[in-house]
């Protein structure tokens, strides 16, 4: 078994300024999303320009931060915020909800699509493969913070935390939500797909990955199990994603509408 290294969550101290690893992981996520989007926009036939990518990432960053924090307050941390309202501002210490961040990003991307005159589904599809690296970085930040541990286990790769071997559920999520999800979405979107198919695949894959890992992740103490001594808040929030993902994939391939993210290639002579 492995011993948890107890990494200092503060990466750098400059007088009163303390830079935390968790905050740096968000920076890594935004930079990675920007770089990947620039690469995808530079491909032949893309209807996206560099300035579109820059604004897309800016809108998304605002949506992630505002939505993620508000989602955490509503889904997990309302009691703590009620006792200490200023805690809502301390995002660099952790306390972000993916599901809240997703809703925030969807709202931000919808606003972006409206202002740019783009089809909202095309914007969602273009953005679908971009968050995965950020999700991996965020879970590494959770690991460094020593939070969101899994249940006790006797697996050889368990980490000993306070004398108890536990599943490193943060790293499980990072591997699935980050590495595996990125490979699936980046490969899938490397070819033209029907409108809404990338969005549906993202929702389906993330929802399934999160639902599975929740079986070994310890639920938040102030929430516990919501039903049957095994259903967690994460699973309750992920189930609609799974259903929505399936629905979008069915709609996408039934309608078979071309995406507006690439120009239509002219047909050769028959």
Protein backbone atom coordinates (compact mmCIF):
# COMPACT_ATOMS: atom_id res chain seq x y z
CA UNK A 1 0.00 0.00 0.00
CA UNK A 2 1.00 3.63 -0.49
CA UNK A 3 1.47 6.33 2.11
CA UNK A 4 -0.25 9.62 1.38
CA UNK A 5 2.55 12.20 1.00
CA UNK A 6 0.61 15.02 2.73
CA UNK A 7 1.60 17.66 0.18
CA UNK A 8 1.51 21.28 1.32
CA UNK A 9 -1.57 22.77 -0.41
CA UNK A 10 0.29 26.09 -0.71
CA UNK A 11 2.52 25.99 -3.77
CA UNK A 12 4.16 29.37 -3.29
CA UNK A 13 4.20 32.08 -0.62
CA UNK A 14 5.06 35.66 -1.49
CA UNK A 15 4.65 37.57 1.74
CA UNK A 16 0.93 37.69 2.53
CA UNK A 17 0.12 36.23 -0.91
CA UNK A 18 -0.28 32.47 -0.90
CA UNK A 19 -0.66 30.61 -4.18
CA UNK A 20 -2.40 27.27 -3.70
CA UNK A 21 -2.04 24.21 -5.87
CA UNK A 22 -5.82 23.96 -6.18
CA UNK A 23 -6.01 27.41 -7.75
CA UNK A 24 -3.11 26.63 -10.08
CA UNK A 25 -4.98 23.57 -11.30
CA UNK A 26 -7.78 25.79 -12.53
CA UNK A 27 -5.25 27.91 -14.41
CA UNK A 28 -3.83 24.74 -15.99
CA UNK A 29 -7.34 23.68 -16.98
CA UNK A 30 -8.18 27.00 -18.64
CA UNK A 31 -4.85 27.16 -20.48
CA UNK A 32 -5.24 23.57 -21.70
CA UNK A 33 -8.79 24.26 -22.90
CA UNK A 34 -7.61 27.38 -24.74
CA UNK A 35 -4.72 25.52 -26.41
CA UNK A 36 -6.90 22.59 -27.47
CA UNK A 37 -9.58 24.92 -28.81
CA UNK A 38 -6.99 26.89 -30.77
CA UNK A 39 -5.72 23.63 -32.30
CA UNK A 40 -9.23 22.54 -33.25
CA UNK A 41 -10.06 25.98 -34.66
CA UNK A 42 -6.92 25.91 -36.83
CA UNK A 43 -7.98 22.74 -38.63
CA UNK A 44 -9.00 23.04 -42.28
CA UNK A 45 -12.68 23.81 -42.69
CA UNK A 46 -13.17 25.11 -39.16
CA UNK A 47 -15.60 28.02 -38.84
CA UNK A 48 -13.92 29.17 -35.61
CA UNK A 49 -11.43 32.02 -35.46
CA UNK A 50 -8.74 32.55 -32.80
CA UNK A 51 -10.64 35.49 -31.31
CA UNK A 52 -13.72 33.26 -30.99
CA UNK A 53 -11.68 30.76 -29.00
CA UNK A 54 -10.29 33.46 -26.71
CA UNK A 55 -13.76 34.75 -25.88
CA UNK A 56 -15.18 31.24 -25.54
CA UNK A 57 -12.61 30.32 -22.89
CA UNK A 58 -13.17 33.62 -21.06
CA UNK A 59 -16.94 33.04 -20.93
CA UNK A 60 -16.39 29.44 -19.85
CA UNK A 61 -13.99 30.43 -17.08
CA UNK A 62 -16.56 32.78 -15.60
CA UNK A 63 -19.22 30.10 -15.86
CA UNK A 64 -17.04 27.47 -14.18
CA UNK A 65 -16.04 29.67 -11.25
CA UNK A 66 -19.42 31.24 -10.56
CA UNK A 67 -21.48 28.14 -11.28
CA UNK A 68 -19.08 25.78 -9.54
CA UNK A 69 -19.03 27.79 -6.35
CA UNK A 70 -22.78 28.46 -6.26
CA UNK A 71 -23.42 24.80 -7.03
CA UNK A 72 -21.22 23.71 -4.15
CA UNK A 73 -23.06 26.08 -1.82
CA UNK A 74 -26.46 24.76 -2.89
CA UNK A 75 -25.61 21.06 -3.16
CA UNK A 76 -22.99 20.53 -0.46
CA UNK A 77 -21.94 23.49 1.65
CA UNK A 78 -24.98 25.59 2.49
CA UNK A 79 -24.67 25.02 6.23
CA UNK A 80 -21.03 26.19 6.34
CA UNK A 81 -21.78 29.29 4.27
CA UNK A 82 -24.72 30.12 6.49
CA UNK A 83 -22.44 30.14 9.53
CA UNK A 84 -19.64 32.02 7.74
CA UNK A 85 -20.93 33.91 4.65
CA UNK A 86 -17.46 35.14 3.66
CA UNK A 87 -16.42 31.52 3.08
CA UNK A 88 -18.23 31.67 -0.27
CA UNK A 89 -15.40 33.85 -1.60
CA UNK A 90 -12.55 31.48 -0.64
CA UNK A 91 -12.68 29.41 -3.83
CA UNK A 92 -8.91 28.87 -3.79
CA UNK A 93 -9.31 26.58 -0.78
CA UNK A 94 -11.61 24.16 -2.60
CA UNK A 95 -15.34 23.72 -2.48
CA UNK A 96 -16.37 23.63 -6.15
CA UNK A 97 -19.16 21.54 -7.64
CA UNK A 98 -18.70 20.08 -11.11
CA UNK A 99 -22.44 19.92 -11.70
CA UNK A 100 -22.83 23.56 -10.68
CA UNK A 101 -19.87 24.47 -12.86
CA UNK A 102 -21.48 22.64 -15.78
CA UNK A 103 -24.69 24.63 -15.42
CA UNK A 104 -22.64 27.82 -15.20
CA UNK A 105 -20.71 26.94 -18.35
CA UNK A 106 -23.88 26.05 -20.25
CA UNK A 107 -25.36 29.44 -19.36
CA UNK A 108 -22.14 31.23 -20.33
CA UNK A 109 -21.87 29.36 -23.64
CA UNK A 110 -25.51 30.11 -24.41
CA UNK A 111 -24.80 33.81 -23.91
CA UNK A 112 -21.69 33.53 -26.09
CA UNK A 113 -23.66 31.78 -28.86
CA UNK A 114 -26.35 34.44 -28.81
CA UNK A 115 -23.88 37.31 -29.00
CA UNK A 116 -21.91 35.67 -31.82
CA UNK A 117 -24.93 34.50 -33.79
CA UNK A 118 -23.91 30.87 -33.59
CA UNK A 119 -26.16 27.88 -33.14
CA UNK A 120 -26.10 27.07 -29.44
CA UNK A 121 -25.70 23.33 -30.11
CA UNK A 122 -22.61 23.99 -32.24
CA UNK A 123 -21.00 25.94 -29.40
CA UNK A 124 -21.77 23.15 -26.94
CA UNK A 125 -20.33 20.57 -29.35
CA UNK A 126 -17.15 22.56 -29.98
CA UNK A 127 -16.59 22.91 -26.23
CA UNK A 128 -17.39 19.27 -25.38
CA UNK A 129 -13.80 17.87 -25.43
CA UNK A 130 -12.18 20.92 -23.84
CA UNK A 131 -12.87 20.49 -20.08
CA UNK A 132 -11.34 17.04 -19.63
CA UNK A 133 -7.76 18.14 -18.94
CA UNK A 134 -9.08 20.69 -16.47
CA UNK A 135 -11.10 17.98 -14.74
CA UNK A 136 -7.94 15.90 -14.37
CA UNK A 137 -6.06 18.89 -12.95
CA UNK A 138 -8.90 19.66 -10.56
CA UNK A 139 -8.93 16.12 -9.18
CA UNK A 140 -5.18 16.29 -8.66
CA UNK A 141 -5.88 19.48 -6.71
CA UNK A 142 -8.37 17.55 -4.57
CA UNK A 143 -5.70 14.93 -3.93
CA UNK A 144 -3.18 17.56 -2.87
CA UNK A 145 -5.77 19.15 -0.59
CA UNK A 146 -6.36 15.75 1.01
CA UNK A 147 -10.11 15.86 0.34
CA UNK A 148 -12.77 13.64 -1.26
CA UNK A 149 -11.15 10.40 -0.13
CA UNK A 150 -12.65 7.03 -0.90
CA UNK A 151 -13.78 4.24 1.38
CA UNK A 152 -11.41 1.98 3.32
CA UNK A 153 -9.99 -0.85 1.22
CA UNK A 154 -7.31 -3.52 1.21
CA UNK A 155 -6.33 -2.93 -2.42
CA UNK A 156 -2.59 -2.78 -3.03
CA UNK A 157 -2.82 0.72 -4.53
CA UNK A 158 -4.72 2.18 -1.57
CA UNK A 159 -3.31 5.25 0.18
CA UNK A 160 -2.89 5.15 3.94
CA UNK A 161 -4.58 8.25 5.36
CA UNK A 162 -4.48 8.74 9.14
CA UNK A 163 -3.63 5.07 9.49
CA UNK A 164 -6.49 3.87 7.28
CA UNK A 165 -5.92 2.54 3.73
CA UNK A 166 -8.41 4.24 1.40
CA UNK A 167 -9.37 4.39 -2.24
CA UNK A 168 -7.83 7.45 -3.91
CA UNK A 169 -11.19 8.31 -5.42
CA UNK A 170 -9.88 11.71 -6.53
CA UNK A 171 -7.32 9.98 -8.76
CA UNK A 172 -9.91 7.50 -10.01
CA UNK A 173 -12.08 10.41 -11.09
CA UNK A 174 -9.10 12.20 -12.59
CA UNK A 175 -8.26 9.14 -14.69
CA UNK A 176 -11.83 8.60 -15.89
CA UNK A 177 -13.16 12.16 -16.10
CA UNK A 178 -9.85 13.50 -17.35
CA UNK A 179 -7.76 11.03 -19.34
CA UNK A 180 -10.38 8.57 -20.58
CA UNK A 181 -13.01 11.23 -21.23
CA UNK A 182 -10.51 13.34 -23.17
CA UNK A 183 -9.40 10.45 -25.37
CA UNK A 184 -13.00 9.52 -26.14
CA UNK A 185 -14.21 13.06 -26.89
CA UNK A 186 -11.12 14.28 -28.74
CA UNK A 187 -11.11 11.19 -30.96
CA UNK A 188 -14.86 11.34 -31.53
CA UNK A 189 -14.83 15.02 -32.51
CA UNK A 190 -11.82 14.66 -34.82
CA UNK A 191 -14.33 13.85 -37.56
CA UNK A 192 -17.58 15.65 -38.44
CA UNK A 193 -20.42 14.40 -36.28
CA UNK A 194 -24.15 15.17 -36.27
CA UNK A 195 -25.15 18.27 -34.33
CA UNK A 196 -25.54 17.54 -30.58
CA UNK A 197 -23.69 14.18 -30.76
CA UNK A 198 -20.49 15.44 -29.04
CA UNK A 199 -22.54 17.13 -26.32
CA UNK A 200 -24.56 13.97 -25.75
CA UNK A 201 -21.45 11.81 -25.57
CA UNK A 202 -19.85 14.16 -23.04
CA UNK A 203 -22.90 14.06 -20.76
CA UNK A 204 -23.23 10.29 -21.04
CA UNK A 205 -19.57 9.50 -20.40
CA UNK A 206 -19.04 11.93 -17.55
CA UNK A 207 -22.31 10.93 -15.90
CA UNK A 208 -21.41 7.23 -16.05
CA UNK A 209 -17.84 7.75 -14.83
CA UNK A 210 -18.94 9.89 -11.89
CA UNK A 211 -21.80 7.55 -10.99
CA UNK A 212 -19.40 4.58 -10.86
CA UNK A 213 -16.70 6.28 -8.77
CA UNK A 214 -19.30 7.41 -6.23
CA UNK A 215 -19.59 3.78 -5.12
CA UNK A 216 -16.10 3.97 -3.58
CA UNK A 217 -16.08 7.67 -2.65
CA UNK A 218 -17.05 8.73 0.86
CA UNK A 219 -20.03 11.11 0.67
CA UNK A 220 -19.86 14.56 2.22
CA UNK A 221 -20.40 14.34 5.98
CA UNK A 222 -23.21 16.90 5.93
CA UNK A 223 -25.06 14.93 3.23
CA UNK A 224 -24.24 11.27 3.76
CA UNK A 225 -26.16 8.70 1.75
CA UNK A 226 -29.45 10.01 0.45
CA UNK A 227 -31.15 6.68 -0.22
CA UNK A 228 -30.69 2.95 0.37
CA UNK A 229 -27.40 3.52 2.23
CA UNK A 230 -25.53 3.86 -1.08
CA UNK A 231 -27.09 6.62 -3.21
CA UNK A 232 -25.03 9.81 -2.98
CA UNK A 233 -25.64 13.39 -4.04
CA UNK A 234 -23.10 12.93 -6.82
CA UNK A 235 -25.11 10.04 -8.23
CA UNK A 236 -28.38 11.94 -7.98
CA UNK A 237 -26.84 14.83 -9.91
CA UNK A 238 -25.17 12.54 -12.46
CA UNK A 239 -28.24 10.48 -13.37
CA UNK A 240 -29.92 13.35 -15.28
CA UNK A 241 -26.65 13.78 -17.21
CA UNK A 242 -26.73 10.14 -18.28
CA UNK A 243 -30.35 10.33 -19.39
CA UNK A 244 -29.81 13.65 -21.17
CA UNK A 245 -26.71 12.28 -22.90
CA UNK A 246 -28.61 9.26 -24.23
CA UNK A 247 -31.47 11.50 -25.38
CA UNK A 248 -29.13 13.91 -27.20
CA UNK A 249 -27.32 11.08 -28.97
CA UNK A 250 -30.62 9.61 -30.16
CA UNK A 251 -31.81 13.02 -31.35
CA UNK A 252 -28.47 13.76 -33.02
CA UNK A 253 -28.36 10.60 -35.10
CA UNK A 254 -32.07 10.60 -35.82
CA UNK A 255 -32.03 14.17 -37.17
CA UNK A 256 -28.51 13.85 -38.63
CA UNK A 257 -28.04 17.61 -38.96
CA UNK A 258 -24.54 18.74 -40.01
CA UNK A 259 -22.55 20.72 -37.48
CA UNK A 260 -21.95 24.39 -38.10
CA UNK A 261 -18.44 24.09 -36.67
CA UNK A 262 -17.07 23.04 -40.05
CA UNK A 263 -17.77 24.17 -43.58
CA UNK A 264 -19.59 21.69 -45.71
CA UNK A 265 -17.26 20.03 -48.19
CA UNK A 266 -18.49 20.29 -51.76
CA UNK A 267 -19.61 17.05 -53.33
CA UNK A 268 -17.56 15.81 -56.27
CA UNK A 269 -19.09 14.73 -59.60
CA UNK A 270 -21.07 11.56 -59.54
